[in-house]
Amino acid sequence: MNSGRSIHCRAAALLLCLLAAVIVCGCSSPAPVPTPPARKHALSWNKRGLDAEARGNRDGAILAFEESLRIHRSIEDFDGIAVSLLNLAKVHRQKTELSLAKERIEETLRIVSPDNPIFPEAAFEKAKVELALGNMPDAEDWARKAIPTEKKPYSGRMQNLLSRILFMEGKTDEALSLAETALESNRGFGKRAEEANSLRLIGDIALAGGDPQSAETRYLAALAIDKELAESGKIALDLRALGAAAFAGGETAKAIAFYERAIEVSRGGNMPMEAEAALSELNRIKEAPSR
């Protein structure tokens, strides 16, 4: 999904900047220390990987991150090794190569201590891998570890993931409370994409609780943000959610219109799997007994 790539790239870029800062300067130094050529080369390959992933070229991203990893290993730059491994874990997960993703993220966590600035992202990715594998207790455990003790710009993103996991586990009250906290945090830090994710999640909880009208309100708010950000994948998700809410509220014609829009957006965004999913949901509605 375009949105998935966007989120990944923003997180990975933050890690790259963190690594560059660690390499280039020390807090007490009056002047920056020149970056050794090997580290410059490794950072260059990491950037190539991020650029390739942003273009949807995941195989090219893996090759670039592997080269960055090789160079960082050759000079025992452990922060660089961790960043390269983390980026590899993300791309392998996105390709549904989950055994490779798990191998890479576990290697990352073996060399990153909880006080390392990279740890929250590593724990966040570990939670996503475990979620993809269906290991819900482990996913919840690592999602909790990813949330910082103090409010930070990325807090809402971590809270969104934990809230989603809790919701999937049936812990609805805790999930809703955390999603509302995440929404407040994301708004406070101006994280518009994550604000939309929080709204969509709260809408999902409302819909599951039998309140399609409240769900629709949240989905429409999320849709407005995702359209502002031109996030095709998220727009399609919002439209499908609106279709589900409309159908749950007995508005079949309205639901059909939302699903048809979701199909159009998914096809336009070159997301065939998402288009097929929306079409399947549309057909189910059309075949349902009259209400």
Protein backbone atom coordinates (compact mmCIF):
# COMPACT_ATOMS: atom_id res chain seq x y z
CA MET A 1 0.00 0.00 0.00
CA ASN A 2 1.22 3.50 -0.71
CA SER A 3 0.39 4.51 2.85
CA GLY A 4 2.29 1.61 4.32
CA ARG A 5 5.35 2.57 2.35
CA SER A 6 4.97 6.20 3.44
CA ILE A 7 4.84 5.33 7.12
CA HIS A 8 7.76 2.94 6.79
CA CYS A 9 9.89 5.50 5.00
CA ARG A 10 9.20 8.23 7.55
CA ALA A 11 10.19 5.91 10.41
CA ALA A 12 13.23 4.59 8.58
CA ALA A 13 14.33 8.09 7.62
CA LEU A 14 14.21 9.11 11.29
CA LEU A 15 16.45 6.18 12.11
CA LEU A 16 18.84 7.14 9.33
CA CYS A 17 19.02 10.69 10.66
CA LEU A 18 19.63 9.34 14.15
CA LEU A 19 22.46 7.17 12.88
CA ALA A 20 23.97 10.05 10.94
CA ALA A 21 23.88 12.23 14.05
CA VAL A 22 25.60 9.55 16.11
CA ILE A 23 28.27 9.22 13.45
CA VAL A 24 28.91 12.85 12.62
CA CYS A 25 29.14 14.64 15.95
CA GLY A 26 29.45 14.38 19.69
CA CYS A 27 27.53 16.60 22.07
CA SER A 28 30.62 17.91 23.83
CA SER A 29 32.75 18.36 20.68
CA PRO A 30 33.35 21.91 19.48
CA ALA A 31 33.50 20.79 15.85
CA PRO A 32 32.12 17.76 13.97
CA VAL A 33 34.47 14.85 13.38
CA PRO A 34 34.77 13.98 9.68
CA THR A 35 32.79 10.88 8.79
CA PRO A 36 35.05 8.00 7.73
CA PRO A 37 34.56 6.89 4.10
CA ALA A 38 33.28 3.44 5.09
CA ARG A 39 30.49 4.94 7.19
CA LYS A 40 29.61 7.40 4.44
CA HIS A 41 29.39 4.49 2.03
CA ALA A 42 27.17 2.51 4.40
CA LEU A 43 24.85 5.50 4.90
CA SER A 44 24.68 5.99 1.14
CA TRP A 45 23.52 2.38 0.67
CA ASN A 46 20.97 2.78 3.45
CA LYS A 47 19.58 5.87 1.70
CA ARG A 48 19.40 3.94 -1.56
CA GLY A 49 17.39 1.30 0.25
CA LEU A 50 14.95 3.89 1.60
CA ASP A 51 14.56 5.44 -1.83
CA ALA A 52 13.97 2.05 -3.46
CA GLU A 53 11.39 1.09 -0.83
CA ALA A 54 9.59 4.43 -1.32
CA ARG A 55 9.29 3.60 -5.03
CA GLY A 56 7.85 0.19 -4.20
CA ASN A 57 11.02 -1.62 -5.28
CA ARG A 58 11.31 -3.89 -2.26
CA ASP A 59 13.81 -6.27 -3.85
CA GLY A 60 16.08 -3.33 -4.64
CA ALA A 61 15.64 -2.06 -1.09
CA ILE A 62 16.70 -5.41 0.34
CA LEU A 63 19.84 -5.47 -1.81
CA ALA A 64 20.78 -1.96 -0.69
CA PHE A 65 20.10 -2.62 2.99
CA GLU A 66 22.12 -5.84 2.80
CA GLU A 67 25.07 -3.91 1.40
CA SER A 68 24.73 -1.30 4.14
CA LEU A 69 24.65 -4.12 6.69
CA ARG A 70 27.77 -5.72 5.20
CA ILE A 71 29.75 -2.48 5.48
CA HIS A 72 28.55 -1.74 9.01
CA ARG A 73 29.54 -5.27 10.06
CA SER A 74 33.00 -4.80 8.58
CA ILE A 75 33.69 -1.85 10.93
CA GLU A 76 31.65 -3.13 13.91
CA ASP A 77 29.34 -0.12 13.85
CA PHE A 78 26.62 -1.63 16.03
CA ASP A 79 24.09 1.21 15.67
CA GLY A 80 24.55 1.00 11.91
CA ILE A 81 24.12 -2.77 12.01
CA ALA A 82 20.93 -2.37 14.02
CA VAL A 83 19.43 0.20 11.64
CA SER A 84 20.22 -1.96 8.60
CA LEU A 85 18.74 -5.06 10.23
CA LEU A 86 15.63 -3.13 11.28
CA ASN A 87 15.09 -1.83 7.76
CA LEU A 88 15.52 -5.35 6.39
CA ALA A 89 12.99 -6.72 8.89
CA LYS A 90 10.43 -4.14 7.78
CA VAL A 91 10.80 -4.85 4.08
CA HIS A 92 10.73 -8.64 4.56
CA ARG A 93 7.56 -8.26 6.63
CA GLN A 94 5.98 -6.13 3.92
CA LYS A 95 6.83 -8.88 1.43
CA THR A 96 5.23 -11.40 3.85
CA GLU A 97 8.61 -13.13 4.20
CA LEU A 98 7.89 -13.50 7.88
CA SER A 99 10.57 -16.01 8.84
CA LEU A 100 13.24 -13.69 7.43
CA ALA A 101 11.59 -10.68 9.07
CA LYS A 102 11.59 -12.43 12.44
CA GLU A 103 15.22 -13.47 12.05
CA ARG A 104 16.30 -9.92 11.26
CA ILE A 105 14.32 -8.21 14.02
CA GLU A 106 15.48 -10.69 16.65
CA GLU A 107 19.08 -10.06 15.61
CA THR A 108 18.40 -6.33 15.95
CA LEU A 109 17.08 -6.72 19.48
CA ARG A 110 20.11 -8.78 20.51
CA ILE A 111 22.37 -5.79 19.91
CA VAL A 112 20.06 -2.92 20.93
CA SER A 113 19.61 -2.27 24.63
CA PRO A 114 16.36 -0.74 25.99
CA ASP A 115 18.11 2.61 26.58
CA ASN A 116 19.24 2.86 22.94
CA PRO A 117 17.22 5.44 20.92
CA ILE A 118 16.71 2.74 18.27
CA PHE A 119 14.95 0.40 20.72
CA PRO A 120 11.39 1.81 20.43
CA GLU A 121 11.42 1.32 16.65
CA ALA A 122 12.89 -2.17 17.04
CA ALA A 123 10.25 -3.14 19.60
CA PHE A 124 7.55 -1.63 17.37
CA GLU A 125 8.71 -3.71 14.41
CA LYS A 126 8.97 -6.83 16.58
CA ALA A 127 5.32 -6.31 17.60
CA LYS A 128 4.31 -5.99 13.94
CA VAL A 129 6.15 -9.17 13.00
CA GLU A 130 4.55 -11.12 15.84
CA LEU A 131 1.15 -9.71 14.88
CA ALA A 132 1.66 -10.84 11.28
CA LEU A 133 2.58 -14.30 12.59
CA GLY A 134 -0.58 -14.37 14.72
CA ASN A 135 1.33 -14.44 18.01
CA MET A 136 -0.99 -12.05 19.82
CA PRO A 137 0.44 -12.23 23.38
CA ASP A 138 3.96 -11.57 22.07
CA ALA A 139 2.68 -8.81 19.79
CA GLU A 140 1.00 -7.12 22.75
CA ASP A 141 4.08 -7.48 24.95
CA TRP A 142 6.40 -5.89 22.39
CA ALA A 143 3.92 -3.16 21.50
CA ARG A 144 3.86 -2.17 25.18
CA LYS A 145 7.65 -2.08 25.25
CA ALA A 146 7.68 0.22 22.22
CA ILE A 147 5.64 2.95 23.92
CA PRO A 148 7.96 5.50 25.57
CA THR A 149 7.47 6.37 29.22
CA GLU A 150 7.35 10.07 28.31
CA LYS A 151 5.16 11.54 25.57
CA LYS A 152 7.14 11.89 22.35
CA PRO A 153 6.25 12.61 18.71
CA TYR A 154 6.11 8.91 17.89
CA SER A 155 4.08 7.96 20.99
CA GLY A 156 0.75 8.01 19.16
CA ARG A 157 2.00 5.65 16.46
CA MET A 158 3.08 3.11 19.08
CA GLN A 159 -0.21 3.55 20.96
CA ASN A 160 -2.20 3.00 17.77
CA LEU A 161 -0.52 -0.36 17.24
CA LEU A 162 -1.07 -1.53 20.81
CA SER A 163 -4.68 -0.36 20.68
CA ARG A 164 -5.26 -2.32 17.46
CA ILE A 165 -3.76 -5.45 19.03
CA LEU A 166 -5.89 -5.05 22.16
CA PHE A 167 -8.99 -4.63 20.00
CA MET A 168 -8.15 -7.79 18.08
CA GLU A 169 -7.76 -9.62 21.40
CA GLY A 170 -11.22 -8.50 22.51
CA LYS A 171 -9.95 -6.03 25.12
CA THR A 172 -12.30 -3.37 23.79
CA ASP A 173 -12.42 -0.92 26.70
CA GLU A 174 -8.65 -0.72 27.03
CA ALA A 175 -8.28 -0.49 23.26
CA LEU A 176 -10.71 2.43 23.03
CA SER A 177 -9.09 4.32 25.91
CA LEU A 178 -5.66 3.93 24.35
CA ALA A 179 -6.89 4.86 20.87
CA GLU A 180 -8.35 8.09 22.26
CA THR A 181 -5.05 8.83 24.01
CA ALA A 182 -3.23 8.16 20.75
CA LEU A 183 -5.60 10.50 18.91
CA GLU A 184 -4.86 13.29 21.38
CA SER A 185 -1.11 12.69 21.09
CA ASN A 186 -1.13 12.58 17.30
CA ARG A 187 -3.13 15.79 17.11
CA GLY A 188 -0.85 17.46 19.63
CA PHE A 189 2.27 16.63 17.62
CA GLY A 190 0.66 17.30 14.23
CA LYS A 191 0.99 13.68 13.08
CA ARG A 192 -1.84 13.81 10.56
CA ALA A 193 -1.47 10.31 9.10
CA GLU A 194 -1.43 8.75 12.54
CA GLU A 195 -4.35 10.95 13.59
CA ALA A 196 -6.33 9.38 10.75
CA ASN A 197 -5.23 5.92 11.89
CA SER A 198 -6.50 6.70 15.40
CA LEU A 199 -9.84 7.92 14.05
CA ARG A 200 -10.25 4.84 11.87
CA LEU A 201 -9.45 2.57 14.81
CA ILE A 202 -11.97 4.33 17.06
CA GLY A 203 -14.48 3.94 14.25
CA ASP A 204 -13.75 0.21 14.05
CA ILE A 205 -14.34 -0.13 17.79
CA ALA A 206 -17.61 1.80 17.56
CA LEU A 207 -18.79 -0.33 14.65
CA ALA A 208 -17.94 -3.55 16.47
CA GLY A 209 -19.88 -2.20 19.46
CA GLY A 210 -23.02 -1.72 17.38
CA ASP A 211 -22.80 2.05 16.82
CA PRO A 212 -22.50 2.52 13.02
CA GLN A 213 -23.44 6.21 13.18
CA SER A 214 -20.54 7.05 15.51
CA ALA A 215 -18.27 4.86 13.39
CA GLU A 216 -19.26 6.76 10.25
CA THR A 217 -18.39 10.08 11.89
CA ARG A 218 -14.90 8.83 12.72
CA TYR A 219 -14.38 7.26 9.29
CA LEU A 220 -15.38 10.49 7.53
CA ALA A 221 -12.90 12.45 9.65
CA ALA A 222 -10.17 9.94 8.79
CA LEU A 223 -11.09 10.11 5.10
CA ALA A 224 -10.79 13.90 5.09
CA ILE A 225 -7.23 13.67 6.45
CA ASP A 226 -6.18 10.84 4.14
CA LYS A 227 -7.49 12.75 1.12
CA GLU A 228 -5.58 15.82 2.31
CA LEU A 229 -2.43 13.66 2.44
CA ALA A 230 -3.29 11.89 -0.85
CA GLU A 231 -2.84 8.45 0.75
CA SER A 232 -4.51 6.11 -1.76
CA GLY A 233 -4.27 3.00 0.39
CA LYS A 234 -5.76 4.69 3.43
CA ILE A 235 -8.49 6.36 1.37
CA ALA A 236 -9.54 2.94 0.10
CA LEU A 237 -9.59 1.61 3.68
CA ASP A 238 -11.74 4.54 4.82
CA LEU A 239 -14.21 4.01 1.99
CA ARG A 240 -14.51 0.30 2.74
CA ALA A 241 -15.04 1.09 6.42
CA LEU A 242 -17.72 3.62 5.50
CA GLY A 243 -19.36 0.97 3.35
CA ALA A 244 -19.40 -1.45 6.28
CA ALA A 245 -20.86 1.21 8.59
CA ALA A 246 -23.55 2.15 6.10
CA PHE A 247 -24.54 -1.48 5.60
CA ALA A 248 -24.64 -2.06 9.35
CA GLY A 249 -26.96 0.95 9.61
CA GLY A 250 -29.32 -0.51 7.03
CA GLU A 251 -28.29 1.86 4.21
CA THR A 252 -27.50 -0.66 1.49
CA ALA A 253 -27.45 1.75 -1.46
CA LYS A 254 -25.09 4.07 0.41
CA ALA A 255 -22.86 1.11 1.30
CA ILE A 256 -22.70 0.00 -2.35
CA ALA A 257 -21.65 3.49 -3.40
CA PHE A 258 -18.82 3.55 -0.84
CA TYR A 259 -17.54 0.14 -1.94
CA GLU A 260 -17.63 1.15 -5.59
CA ARG A 261 -15.53 4.20 -4.74
CA ALA A 262 -13.10 1.99 -2.80
CA ILE A 263 -12.71 -0.29 -5.83
CA GLU A 264 -12.05 2.70 -8.09
CA VAL A 265 -9.42 4.14 -5.74
CA SER A 266 -7.70 0.77 -5.29
CA ARG A 267 -7.50 0.16 -9.02
CA GLY A 268 -6.26 3.68 -9.63
CA GLY A 269 -3.64 3.22 -6.94
CA ASN A 270 -2.45 -0.07 -8.48
CA MET A 271 -3.61 -2.10 -5.47
CA PRO A 272 -5.23 -5.19 -7.04
CA MET A 273 -5.53 -7.14 -3.79
CA GLU A 274 -7.33 -4.27 -2.08
CA ALA A 275 -9.61 -3.83 -5.10
CA GLU A 276 -10.46 -7.54 -5.00
CA ALA A 277 -11.22 -7.35 -1.28
CA ALA A 278 -13.55 -4.39 -1.79
CA LEU A 279 -15.25 -6.16 -4.70
CA SER A 280 -15.77 -9.26 -2.56
CA GLU A 281 -17.38 -7.16 0.17
CA LEU A 282 -19.55 -5.39 -2.41
CA ASN A 283 -20.78 -8.69 -3.84
CA ARG A 284 -21.58 -9.96 -0.35
CA ILE A 285 -23.75 -6.92 0.27
CA LYS A 286 -25.53 -7.24 -3.06
CA GLU A 287 -26.26 -10.90 -2.40
CA ALA A 288 -27.52 -10.31 1.14
CA PRO A 289 -31.26 -10.62 1.76
CA SER A 290 -33.22 -7.38 1.53
CA ARG A 291 -33.26 -5.46 4.80
